[in-house]
Amino acid sequence: MTRDPAPTQPAAPETPPALPARLRARFFYGWWVVIACALITLVSGSTFYYGFGALFDPIKEEFGWSTTVTALAFSLRSEAAAAGSPITGYLVDRFGPRKVMMAGALTAAAGMFWFSRMDSLFPFYASVFLIALGNSGTDSRIGALTVSYWFIRRRTLSVCLALSAPLVLLLPKPALAEPWRE
């Protein structure tokens, strides 16, 4: 009785030559967190805190409102953001920064949509208030906290990069206002 020969093992695939260590190292996920926080800070900070100054005169001229009436909305913005900060801090502790930033971004987006459709004084104040509440959820303090969770060695650099993103839009600020509804 003859035995069948043992099945042969398939040939192992050729392994590529070893790559240098700098090419094998993966991109640290914390830097993606820095990029995401920088973009969120860029959008919320530049449109709401820095960008509204460019919209002040066009809004005042379009609706014929006085400087006092228009400036009151921007004062309410600061008050609403200050009032929303302790609530935001509690929510970040309870649910984490990701969920709070998402809810804040959606709230601010709803406020900006309403702001673009406003036609009288009450919707103007209410939309600015809603944007301020939403932006307290996407505030730079939450971005700094989120980034600091990911870094130990390069914490200062990473937080600095995440929070300095709105400064990019300070240069073309006057161009943001023309035309402001489109």
N, C-alpha and C. Protein backbone atom coordinates (compact mmCIF):
# COMPACT_ATOMS: atom_id res chain seq x y z
N MET A 1 0.82 -1.15 0.00
CA MET A 1 0.00 0.00 0.00
C MET A 1 0.89 1.24 0.00
N THR A 2 0.62 2.12 -0.90
CA THR A 2 1.43 3.32 -1.03
C THR A 2 0.70 4.49 -0.38
N ARG A 3 1.45 5.27 0.20
CA ARG A 3 0.86 6.46 0.83
C ARG A 3 0.94 7.64 -0.11
N ASP A 4 -0.07 8.49 -0.02
CA ASP A 4 -0.02 9.73 -0.79
C ASP A 4 1.04 10.64 -0.17
N PRO A 5 1.73 11.34 -1.03
CA PRO A 5 2.73 12.25 -0.46
C PRO A 5 2.04 13.34 0.38
N ALA A 6 2.71 13.79 1.36
CA ALA A 6 2.15 14.85 2.24
C ALA A 6 1.90 16.10 1.43
N PRO A 7 0.79 16.75 1.73
CA PRO A 7 0.53 17.98 0.97
C PRO A 7 1.63 19.01 1.22
N THR A 8 1.95 19.70 0.18
CA THR A 8 3.02 20.69 0.31
C THR A 8 2.45 22.00 0.84
N GLN A 9 3.23 22.66 1.60
CA GLN A 9 2.83 23.97 2.13
C GLN A 9 2.95 25.00 1.01
N PRO A 10 1.96 25.92 0.95
CA PRO A 10 2.12 26.97 -0.06
C PRO A 10 3.31 27.85 0.28
N ALA A 11 3.91 28.36 -0.76
CA ALA A 11 5.09 29.19 -0.56
C ALA A 11 4.69 30.48 0.17
N ALA A 12 5.51 30.87 1.09
CA ALA A 12 5.25 32.11 1.83
C ALA A 12 5.43 33.29 0.88
N PRO A 13 4.56 34.28 1.02
CA PRO A 13 4.73 35.44 0.15
C PRO A 13 6.05 36.13 0.46
N GLU A 14 6.57 36.75 -0.56
CA GLU A 14 7.84 37.45 -0.36
C GLU A 14 7.61 38.64 0.55
N THR A 15 8.47 38.81 1.50
CA THR A 15 8.35 39.96 2.38
C THR A 15 9.12 41.11 1.78
N PRO A 16 8.53 42.29 1.85
CA PRO A 16 9.26 43.43 1.28
C PRO A 16 10.49 43.73 2.13
N PRO A 17 11.44 44.39 1.54
CA PRO A 17 12.62 44.74 2.32
C PRO A 17 12.20 45.65 3.48
N ALA A 18 12.93 45.59 4.53
CA ALA A 18 12.60 46.38 5.72
C ALA A 18 12.65 47.87 5.38
N LEU A 19 11.64 48.57 5.85
CA LEU A 19 11.59 50.02 5.64
C LEU A 19 12.28 50.72 6.80
N PRO A 20 12.79 51.90 6.55
CA PRO A 20 13.37 52.65 7.67
C PRO A 20 12.30 52.92 8.74
N ALA A 21 12.72 53.07 9.95
CA ALA A 21 11.79 53.25 11.08
C ALA A 21 10.92 54.49 10.90
N ARG A 22 11.46 55.53 10.33
CA ARG A 22 10.67 56.76 10.16
C ARG A 22 9.52 56.57 9.18
N LEU A 23 9.66 55.63 8.23
CA LEU A 23 8.58 55.36 7.30
C LEU A 23 7.58 54.35 7.85
N ARG A 24 8.03 53.51 8.78
CA ARG A 24 7.14 52.52 9.36
C ARG A 24 6.24 53.11 10.45
N ALA A 25 6.68 54.17 11.05
CA ALA A 25 5.91 54.76 12.15
C ALA A 25 4.58 55.27 11.63
N ARG A 26 3.54 54.96 12.37
CA ARG A 26 2.20 55.41 11.97
C ARG A 26 1.99 56.84 12.44
N PHE A 27 1.11 57.52 11.76
CA PHE A 27 0.74 58.87 12.13
C PHE A 27 -0.08 58.79 13.41
N PHE A 28 0.34 59.49 14.45
CA PHE A 28 -0.32 59.44 15.74
C PHE A 28 -1.73 60.01 15.64
N TYR A 29 -2.70 59.27 16.13
CA TYR A 29 -4.11 59.65 16.01
C TYR A 29 -4.40 60.98 16.71
N GLY A 30 -3.65 61.31 17.70
CA GLY A 30 -3.85 62.58 18.40
C GLY A 30 -3.70 63.79 17.49
N TRP A 31 -2.88 63.67 16.45
CA TRP A 31 -2.74 64.78 15.51
C TRP A 31 -4.01 64.96 14.68
N TRP A 32 -4.75 63.88 14.43
CA TRP A 32 -6.04 64.02 13.77
C TRP A 32 -7.01 64.76 14.68
N VAL A 33 -6.92 64.53 15.96
CA VAL A 33 -7.75 65.24 16.93
C VAL A 33 -7.40 66.73 16.91
N VAL A 34 -6.12 67.03 16.81
CA VAL A 34 -5.67 68.43 16.72
C VAL A 34 -6.26 69.09 15.48
N ILE A 35 -6.20 68.39 14.36
CA ILE A 35 -6.73 68.95 13.10
C ILE A 35 -8.23 69.17 13.20
N ALA A 36 -8.96 68.21 13.77
CA ALA A 36 -10.41 68.35 13.91
C ALA A 36 -10.75 69.50 14.84
N CYS A 37 -10.07 69.60 15.96
CA CYS A 37 -10.34 70.71 16.89
C CYS A 37 -9.96 72.05 16.27
N ALA A 38 -8.89 72.07 15.49
CA ALA A 38 -8.51 73.31 14.82
C ALA A 38 -9.57 73.75 13.82
N LEU A 39 -10.12 72.80 13.07
CA LEU A 39 -11.17 73.15 12.10
C LEU A 39 -12.44 73.61 12.80
N ILE A 40 -12.81 72.94 13.88
CA ILE A 40 -14.00 73.35 14.63
C ILE A 40 -13.79 74.74 15.23
N THR A 41 -12.62 74.98 15.80
CA THR A 41 -12.32 76.29 16.36
C THR A 41 -12.26 77.35 15.27
N LEU A 42 -11.73 76.98 14.12
CA LEU A 42 -11.66 77.91 12.99
C LEU A 42 -13.05 78.34 12.55
N VAL A 43 -13.94 77.39 12.38
CA VAL A 43 -15.29 77.71 11.90
C VAL A 43 -16.08 78.47 12.96
N SER A 44 -16.09 77.98 14.18
CA SER A 44 -16.90 78.65 15.20
C SER A 44 -16.30 79.99 15.62
N GLY A 45 -15.00 80.03 15.80
CA GLY A 45 -14.37 81.27 16.24
C GLY A 45 -14.35 82.35 15.17
N SER A 46 -14.03 81.96 13.96
CA SER A 46 -13.89 82.97 12.90
C SER A 46 -15.23 83.51 12.45
N THR A 47 -16.25 82.67 12.40
CA THR A 47 -17.54 83.17 11.94
C THR A 47 -18.28 83.91 13.03
N PHE A 48 -18.14 83.49 14.25
CA PHE A 48 -18.96 84.07 15.31
C PHE A 48 -18.27 85.19 16.05
N TYR A 49 -17.05 85.00 16.47
CA TYR A 49 -16.38 86.03 17.26
C TYR A 49 -15.70 87.07 16.40
N TYR A 50 -15.00 86.64 15.37
CA TYR A 50 -14.25 87.58 14.55
C TYR A 50 -15.05 88.05 13.33
N GLY A 51 -15.87 87.20 12.78
CA GLY A 51 -16.58 87.53 11.55
C GLY A 51 -17.76 88.46 11.72
N PHE A 52 -18.39 88.44 12.89
CA PHE A 52 -19.58 89.29 13.06
C PHE A 52 -19.24 90.78 13.06
N GLY A 53 -18.03 91.12 13.41
CA GLY A 53 -17.63 92.52 13.33
C GLY A 53 -17.67 93.03 11.89
N ALA A 54 -17.37 92.16 10.94
CA ALA A 54 -17.44 92.55 9.53
C ALA A 54 -18.87 92.66 9.05
N LEU A 55 -19.79 92.02 9.76
CA LEU A 55 -21.21 92.06 9.37
C LEU A 55 -21.97 93.20 10.02
N PHE A 56 -21.37 93.86 10.98
CA PHE A 56 -22.08 94.87 11.76
C PHE A 56 -22.67 95.98 10.89
N ASP A 57 -21.84 96.63 10.10
CA ASP A 57 -22.32 97.74 9.26
C ASP A 57 -23.30 97.28 8.17
N PRO A 58 -23.05 96.18 7.46
CA PRO A 58 -24.04 95.75 6.46
C PRO A 58 -25.41 95.42 7.07
N ILE A 59 -25.44 94.82 8.24
CA ILE A 59 -26.73 94.53 8.90
C ILE A 59 -27.42 95.83 9.29
N LYS A 60 -26.66 96.72 9.86
CA LYS A 60 -27.21 98.01 10.29
C LYS A 60 -27.79 98.79 9.11
N GLU A 61 -27.09 98.77 7.98
CA GLU A 61 -27.56 99.49 6.80
C GLU A 61 -28.76 98.82 6.15
N GLU A 62 -28.76 97.48 6.07
CA GLU A 62 -29.86 96.80 5.40
C GLU A 62 -31.19 96.99 6.13
N PHE A 63 -31.16 96.93 7.44
CA PHE A 63 -32.41 97.02 8.20
C PHE A 63 -32.69 98.42 8.72
N GLY A 64 -31.73 99.32 8.64
CA GLY A 64 -31.93 100.68 9.11
C GLY A 64 -31.96 100.77 10.63
N TRP A 65 -31.33 99.84 11.30
CA TRP A 65 -31.31 99.86 12.76
C TRP A 65 -30.22 100.79 13.25
N SER A 66 -30.39 101.27 14.47
CA SER A 66 -29.37 102.13 15.06
C SER A 66 -28.18 101.28 15.51
N THR A 67 -27.10 101.97 15.79
CA THR A 67 -25.91 101.27 16.27
C THR A 67 -26.18 100.59 17.61
N THR A 68 -26.97 101.24 18.46
CA THR A 68 -27.29 100.68 19.77
C THR A 68 -28.07 99.38 19.65
N VAL A 69 -29.07 99.37 18.78
CA VAL A 69 -29.91 98.18 18.62
C VAL A 69 -29.08 97.02 18.05
N THR A 70 -28.22 97.32 17.09
CA THR A 70 -27.39 96.28 16.49
C THR A 70 -26.32 95.80 17.46
N ALA A 71 -25.72 96.72 18.20
CA ALA A 71 -24.67 96.35 19.14
C ALA A 71 -25.22 95.52 20.31
N LEU A 72 -26.50 95.71 20.63
CA LEU A 72 -27.09 94.93 21.72
C LEU A 72 -27.03 93.43 21.42
N ALA A 73 -27.22 93.06 20.17
CA ALA A 73 -27.15 91.65 19.80
C ALA A 73 -25.77 91.08 20.07
N PHE A 74 -24.75 91.86 19.79
CA PHE A 74 -23.40 91.38 20.01
C PHE A 74 -23.04 91.37 21.50
N SER A 75 -23.69 92.22 22.28
CA SER A 75 -23.54 92.14 23.73
C SER A 75 -24.25 90.91 24.27
N LEU A 76 -25.43 90.63 23.72
CA LEU A 76 -26.15 89.41 24.12
C LEU A 76 -25.35 88.16 23.78
N ARG A 77 -24.62 88.24 22.70
CA ARG A 77 -23.78 87.11 22.29
C ARG A 77 -22.80 86.76 23.39
N SER A 78 -22.15 87.77 23.94
CA SER A 78 -21.17 87.51 25.01
C SER A 78 -21.86 87.01 26.27
N GLU A 79 -23.01 87.57 26.60
CA GLU A 79 -23.74 87.13 27.80
C GLU A 79 -24.23 85.69 27.65
N ALA A 80 -24.73 85.35 26.48
CA ALA A 80 -25.23 83.98 26.27
C ALA A 80 -24.10 82.97 26.30
N ALA A 81 -22.97 83.33 25.72
CA ALA A 81 -21.82 82.43 25.75
C ALA A 81 -21.33 82.25 27.19
N ALA A 82 -21.33 83.33 27.97
CA ALA A 82 -20.91 83.22 29.37
C ALA A 82 -21.89 82.39 30.17
N ALA A 83 -23.19 82.55 29.90
CA ALA A 83 -24.20 81.77 30.62
C ALA A 83 -24.15 80.30 30.22
N GLY A 84 -23.79 80.01 28.99
CA GLY A 84 -23.74 78.63 28.53
C GLY A 84 -22.49 77.87 28.94
N SER A 85 -21.45 78.57 29.35
CA SER A 85 -20.19 77.91 29.68
C SER A 85 -20.28 76.95 30.87
N PRO A 86 -20.90 77.32 32.00
CA PRO A 86 -20.99 76.34 33.09
C PRO A 86 -21.82 75.11 32.71
N ILE A 87 -22.86 75.34 31.94
CA ILE A 87 -23.68 74.21 31.49
C ILE A 87 -22.86 73.32 30.56
N THR A 88 -22.11 73.93 29.68
CA THR A 88 -21.25 73.18 28.77
C THR A 88 -20.21 72.38 29.54
N GLY A 89 -19.62 72.98 30.57
CA GLY A 89 -18.64 72.27 31.38
C GLY A 89 -19.23 71.04 32.04
N TYR A 90 -20.43 71.18 32.57
CA TYR A 90 -21.10 70.04 33.18
C TYR A 90 -21.37 68.95 32.14
N LEU A 91 -21.84 69.36 30.97
CA LEU A 91 -22.15 68.39 29.91
C LEU A 91 -20.89 67.68 29.40
N VAL A 92 -19.78 68.39 29.33
CA VAL A 92 -18.53 67.76 28.91
C VAL A 92 -18.10 66.71 29.94
N ASP A 93 -18.24 67.04 31.23
CA ASP A 93 -17.89 66.07 32.26
C ASP A 93 -18.81 64.85 32.21
N ARG A 94 -20.06 65.07 31.89
CA ARG A 94 -21.03 63.98 31.92
C ARG A 94 -21.01 63.11 30.65
N PHE A 95 -20.95 63.77 29.46
CA PHE A 95 -21.09 63.04 28.21
C PHE A 95 -19.81 62.99 27.36
N GLY A 96 -18.82 63.79 27.68
CA GLY A 96 -17.59 63.81 26.91
C GLY A 96 -17.59 64.92 25.88
N PRO A 97 -16.41 65.34 25.46
CA PRO A 97 -16.31 66.48 24.55
C PRO A 97 -16.86 66.22 23.16
N ARG A 98 -16.78 64.99 22.66
CA ARG A 98 -17.24 64.72 21.29
C ARG A 98 -18.73 64.99 21.15
N LYS A 99 -19.53 64.47 22.06
CA LYS A 99 -20.98 64.65 21.97
C LYS A 99 -21.37 66.11 22.19
N VAL A 100 -20.69 66.78 23.11
CA VAL A 100 -21.00 68.18 23.38
C VAL A 100 -20.63 69.05 22.18
N MET A 101 -19.48 68.77 21.57
CA MET A 101 -19.08 69.56 20.40
C MET A 101 -20.03 69.33 19.22
N MET A 102 -20.50 68.11 19.07
CA MET A 102 -21.44 67.82 17.99
C MET A 102 -22.77 68.55 18.22
N ALA A 103 -23.28 68.46 19.44
CA ALA A 103 -24.54 69.15 19.75
C ALA A 103 -24.37 70.67 19.63
N GLY A 104 -23.23 71.18 20.06
CA GLY A 104 -22.98 72.62 19.94
C GLY A 104 -22.89 73.06 18.49
N ALA A 105 -22.23 72.25 17.66
CA ALA A 105 -22.11 72.59 16.24
C ALA A 105 -23.48 72.58 15.56
N LEU A 106 -24.31 71.61 15.89
CA LEU A 106 -25.65 71.55 15.30
C LEU A 106 -26.51 72.73 15.76
N THR A 107 -26.40 73.08 17.04
CA THR A 107 -27.16 74.22 17.56
C THR A 107 -26.70 75.52 16.90
N ALA A 108 -25.40 75.70 16.78
CA ALA A 108 -24.87 76.90 16.14
C ALA A 108 -25.26 76.94 14.66
N ALA A 109 -25.25 75.80 13.99
CA ALA A 109 -25.65 75.76 12.58
C ALA A 109 -27.12 76.14 12.42
N ALA A 110 -27.97 75.66 13.33
CA ALA A 110 -29.39 76.05 13.27
C ALA A 110 -29.54 77.54 13.50
N GLY A 111 -28.77 78.08 14.43
CA GLY A 111 -28.81 79.53 14.67
C GLY A 111 -28.31 80.33 13.48
N MET A 112 -27.28 79.84 12.81
CA MET A 112 -26.77 80.55 11.63
C MET A 112 -27.75 80.48 10.46
N PHE A 113 -28.43 79.35 10.34
CA PHE A 113 -29.46 79.25 9.30
C PHE A 113 -30.57 80.26 9.59
N TRP A 114 -31.01 80.32 10.84
CA TRP A 114 -32.05 81.28 11.22
C TRP A 114 -31.55 82.71 11.04
N PHE A 115 -30.27 82.95 11.35
CA PHE A 115 -29.68 84.27 11.19
C PHE A 115 -29.71 84.71 9.73
N SER A 116 -29.46 83.78 8.82
CA SER A 116 -29.45 84.14 7.40
C SER A 116 -30.85 84.42 6.87
N ARG A 117 -31.89 83.99 7.57
CA ARG A 117 -33.27 84.18 7.15
C ARG A 117 -34.00 85.26 7.95
N MET A 118 -33.33 85.88 8.90
CA MET A 118 -34.02 86.84 9.77
C MET A 118 -34.44 88.08 9.00
N ASP A 119 -35.55 88.66 9.47
CA ASP A 119 -36.07 89.84 8.78
C ASP A 119 -36.54 90.92 9.75
N SER A 120 -36.40 90.68 11.03
CA SER A 120 -36.79 91.69 12.03
C SER A 120 -35.87 91.57 13.24
N LEU A 121 -36.14 92.39 14.23
CA LEU A 121 -35.25 92.50 15.37
C LEU A 121 -35.28 91.26 16.28
N PHE A 122 -36.46 90.72 16.58
CA PHE A 122 -36.52 89.56 17.47
C PHE A 122 -35.79 88.34 16.90
N PRO A 123 -36.02 87.97 15.63
CA PRO A 123 -35.23 86.85 15.09
C PRO A 123 -33.73 87.12 15.07
N PHE A 124 -33.36 88.37 14.92
CA PHE A 124 -31.94 88.73 14.96
C PHE A 124 -31.36 88.42 16.33
N TYR A 125 -32.00 88.90 17.39
CA TYR A 125 -31.53 88.64 18.75
C TYR A 125 -31.58 87.15 19.08
N ALA A 126 -32.66 86.50 18.71
CA ALA A 126 -32.83 85.08 19.04
C ALA A 126 -31.80 84.21 18.30
N SER A 127 -31.53 84.52 17.04
CA SER A 127 -30.56 83.72 16.29
C SER A 127 -29.15 83.93 16.83
N VAL A 128 -28.81 85.16 17.20
CA VAL A 128 -27.50 85.42 17.78
C VAL A 128 -27.37 84.69 19.12
N PHE A 129 -28.44 84.68 19.90
CA PHE A 129 -28.44 83.97 21.18
C PHE A 129 -28.25 82.46 20.96
N LEU A 130 -28.94 81.91 19.97
CA LEU A 130 -28.83 80.48 19.67
C LEU A 130 -27.43 80.12 19.17
N ILE A 131 -26.87 80.98 18.35
CA ILE A 131 -25.50 80.76 17.87
C ILE A 131 -24.52 80.79 19.05
N ALA A 132 -24.73 81.73 19.98
CA ALA A 132 -23.84 81.83 21.14
C ALA A 132 -23.92 80.59 22.01
N LEU A 133 -25.13 80.07 22.21
CA LEU A 133 -25.26 78.84 23.00
C LEU A 133 -24.57 77.67 22.31
N GLY A 134 -24.76 77.57 21.00
CA GLY A 134 -24.11 76.50 20.25
C GLY A 134 -22.60 76.62 20.26
N ASN A 135 -22.11 77.84 20.12
CA ASN A 135 -20.67 78.03 20.09
C ASN A 135 -20.03 77.83 21.46
N SER A 136 -20.80 77.93 22.52
CA SER A 136 -20.22 77.60 23.82
C SER A 136 -19.93 76.10 23.90
N GLY A 137 -20.60 75.30 23.07
CA GLY A 137 -20.31 73.88 22.99
C GLY A 137 -19.15 73.54 22.07
N THR A 138 -18.76 74.47 21.22
CA THR A 138 -17.60 74.25 20.34
C THR A 138 -16.47 75.19 20.69
N ASP A 139 -16.50 75.68 21.88
CA ASP A 139 -15.54 76.68 22.34
C ASP A 139 -14.11 76.14 22.32
N SER A 140 -13.17 77.04 22.27
CA SER A 140 -11.76 76.65 22.24
C SER A 140 -11.34 75.95 23.53
N ARG A 141 -12.02 76.24 24.64
CA ARG A 141 -11.67 75.55 25.89
C ARG A 141 -11.94 74.06 25.80
N ILE A 142 -13.02 73.69 25.12
CA ILE A 142 -13.32 72.27 24.95
C ILE A 142 -12.31 71.64 24.00
N GLY A 143 -11.92 72.38 22.96
CA GLY A 143 -10.90 71.88 22.05
C GLY A 143 -9.56 71.67 22.76
N ALA A 144 -9.19 72.62 23.64
CA ALA A 144 -7.94 72.48 24.39
C ALA A 144 -8.00 71.27 25.32
N LEU A 145 -9.13 71.07 25.96
CA LEU A 145 -9.30 69.91 26.84
C LEU A 145 -9.19 68.60 26.05
N THR A 146 -9.86 68.56 24.91
CA THR A 146 -9.85 67.35 24.09
C THR A 146 -8.45 67.03 23.60
N VAL A 147 -7.74 68.03 23.12
CA VAL A 147 -6.39 67.81 22.62
C VAL A 147 -5.45 67.41 23.75
N SER A 148 -5.62 68.01 24.92
CA SER A 148 -4.71 67.69 26.03
C SER A 148 -4.89 66.26 26.53
N TYR A 149 -6.04 65.66 26.29
CA TYR A 149 -6.23 64.25 26.63
C TYR A 149 -5.31 63.34 25.81
N TRP A 150 -4.95 63.77 24.61
CA TRP A 150 -4.22 62.91 23.68
C TRP A 150 -2.71 63.07 23.76
N PHE A 151 -2.23 64.11 24.42
CA PHE A 151 -0.80 64.38 24.39
C PHE A 151 -0.22 64.50 25.79
N ILE A 152 1.00 64.04 25.91
CA ILE A 152 1.78 64.25 27.13
C ILE A 152 3.04 65.02 26.76
N ARG A 153 3.80 64.49 25.80
CA ARG A 153 5.08 65.10 25.44
C ARG A 153 4.91 66.41 24.68
N ARG A 154 4.05 66.45 23.72
CA ARG A 154 3.92 67.65 22.87
C ARG A 154 2.60 68.35 23.11
N ARG A 155 2.19 68.40 24.33
CA ARG A 155 0.89 68.98 24.69
C ARG A 155 0.82 70.47 24.35
N THR A 156 1.85 71.22 24.69
CA THR A 156 1.82 72.66 24.43
C THR A 156 1.73 72.96 22.95
N LEU A 157 2.51 72.27 22.14
CA LEU A 157 2.48 72.48 20.70
C LEU A 157 1.12 72.11 20.13
N SER A 158 0.58 70.98 20.55
CA SER A 158 -0.69 70.52 19.98
C SER A 158 -1.84 71.45 20.35
N VAL A 159 -1.89 71.90 21.60
CA VAL A 159 -2.95 72.82 22.01
C VAL A 159 -2.79 74.15 21.29
N CYS A 160 -1.57 74.62 21.16
CA CYS A 160 -1.32 75.88 20.44
C CYS A 160 -1.78 75.80 18.99
N LEU A 161 -1.48 74.70 18.33
CA LEU A 161 -1.90 74.54 16.93
C LEU A 161 -3.43 74.45 16.81
N ALA A 162 -4.06 73.76 17.73
CA ALA A 162 -5.51 73.62 17.67
C ALA A 162 -6.22 74.93 17.92
N LEU A 163 -5.67 75.77 18.80
CA LEU A 163 -6.37 76.99 19.18
C LEU A 163 -6.01 78.21 18.34
N SER A 164 -4.94 78.14 17.59
CA SER A 164 -4.55 79.30 16.79
C SER A 164 -5.17 79.31 15.40
N ALA A 165 -6.00 78.34 15.10
CA ALA A 165 -6.61 78.26 13.77
C ALA A 165 -7.47 79.48 13.41
N PRO A 166 -8.27 80.06 14.31
CA PRO A 166 -9.08 81.22 13.90
C PRO A 166 -8.27 82.43 13.48
N LEU A 167 -7.02 82.49 13.89
CA LEU A 167 -6.19 83.63 13.51
C LEU A 167 -5.92 83.68 12.02
N VAL A 168 -6.11 82.57 11.34
CA VAL A 168 -5.90 82.52 9.89
C VAL A 168 -6.87 83.46 9.17
N LEU A 169 -8.08 83.56 9.67
CA LEU A 169 -9.08 84.37 8.98
C LEU A 169 -9.11 85.82 9.42
N LEU A 170 -8.22 86.24 10.28
CA LEU A 170 -8.21 87.65 10.67
C LEU A 170 -7.71 88.55 9.55
N LEU A 171 -6.91 88.00 8.65
CA LEU A 171 -6.36 88.83 7.58
C LEU A 171 -7.40 89.24 6.54
N PRO A 172 -8.20 88.30 5.99
CA PRO A 172 -9.17 88.73 4.95
C PRO A 172 -10.53 89.12 5.53
N LYS A 173 -10.57 89.63 6.76
CA LYS A 173 -11.83 89.93 7.44
C LYS A 173 -12.76 90.85 6.65
N PRO A 174 -12.32 91.95 6.05
CA PRO A 174 -13.27 92.81 5.31
C PRO A 174 -13.93 92.11 4.12
N ALA A 175 -13.30 91.13 3.55
CA ALA A 175 -13.88 90.45 2.39
C ALA A 175 -15.04 89.55 2.79
N LEU A 176 -15.17 89.23 4.06
CA LEU A 176 -16.24 88.34 4.51
C LEU A 176 -17.62 88.99 4.44
N ALA A 177 -17.69 90.29 4.44
CA ALA A 177 -18.97 90.98 4.57
C ALA A 177 -19.66 91.26 3.23
N GLU A 178 -19.04 91.02 2.13
CA GLU A 178 -19.63 91.38 0.85
C GLU A 178 -20.05 90.19 0.04
N PRO A 179 -21.23 90.03 -0.37
CA PRO A 179 -22.47 90.40 0.30
C PRO A 179 -22.72 89.44 1.46
N TRP A 180 -23.33 89.89 2.50
CA TRP A 180 -23.36 89.11 3.73
C TRP A 180 -24.41 88.02 3.75
N ARG A 181 -25.41 88.05 2.90
CA ARG A 181 -26.46 87.04 2.92
C ARG A 181 -26.19 85.88 1.95
N GLU A 182 -25.21 85.97 1.15
CA GLU A 182 -24.98 84.94 0.13
C GLU A 182 -23.84 84.04 0.47
